[in-house]
Amino acid sequence: MRAHCSWCRAEGTPAYLGEREPLENESDTYGVCARHMVQVLTAPRPRPAVSVQLLIVVALKDRSLYDYLSRGLAAVDGVHVLLERRQSERRGAARPVARERRQGERRQPRGVVQSMGCTFVRFSSVSNAAV
């Protein structure tokens, strides 16, 4: 297989990385070159919002609401606006089992979508959670 760096190819620079196994296969495969790997590993990572007290999840189809809330609540401490990324449920249809070992539903329920088109998730403060 002929290996190419997908990032270099997107930039329009030479992307050939060499041959990879299986050598008898003449198709192309993609990876990341050393230069781009260093960029990924040394890039500053955004700090997680550990002090989030209210998470507002906006439906993917309502981008204008997301933009509006993001701008309006950007300076408010403890509030984070997030655009939902899920397309659908990952679970398939329920299948019968011989003996159910679980005592109850383990999944966290999805938040209730409010009439304004977003879901509000409230987190308890760190000091209350430790008590």
Foldseek 3Di string as FASTA:
>chain_A
DWEFEPVCVVVVHGTTDGDDPPNVDPDYDYDHDPVVVCCVVPPDDDDDQQQAFKEKEAEQVCVVVLVVCCVVCVPPRNYYYHYDDDPDDPDDDDDDDPDDPDPDDPDDDDADQDPVGIGMDGDDGPVVVVD
